[in-house]
Amino acid sequence: QVHLVESGGGLVQAGGSLRLSCAASGRTFSNYAMGWFRQAPGKEREFVAAISWSGGRTYYADSVKGRFTISRDNAKNTGYLQMNSLKSEDTAVYYCAAKRALGVPGSSTHDYDYWGQGTQVTVSS
């Protein structure tokens, strides 16, 4: 069992930046690939980014490529999502997720086994 807790969300103006954190506990974090998803009101949860257990492989949704960066610090059992050049359409609840895997999981919510409770990101235009 892996317990995930997100933090770092908040209100930011368009063009600004935020860094989300995902603190993991319960199992060896470095055995798990990690992903970030988001869900806007009235919409389905959508994939944002994923990273392999070592951090050596990453994968992004086209909508955030070049603006967001996923990373992890296994020594701190923490994953991150650096979000730059934020747009109003980035407004959503952001969730981190984990899966015990060697590679990078897919972009479906079904590809992940553990989820955090989410953190709200609101971008004002």
Foldseek 3Di string as FASTA:
>chain_A
DKAKAKDWADEEAAQAKIKMKIAIDDDQLLQKKKFKWWDDPPGDIWGAKIAFSVRPDIDGDPVQPPFWDWGDDSVRRMIMIIGGRHDQVVWTWMKMFIDRDGGIFDTDPVRGDDIYPTDTHGYHD
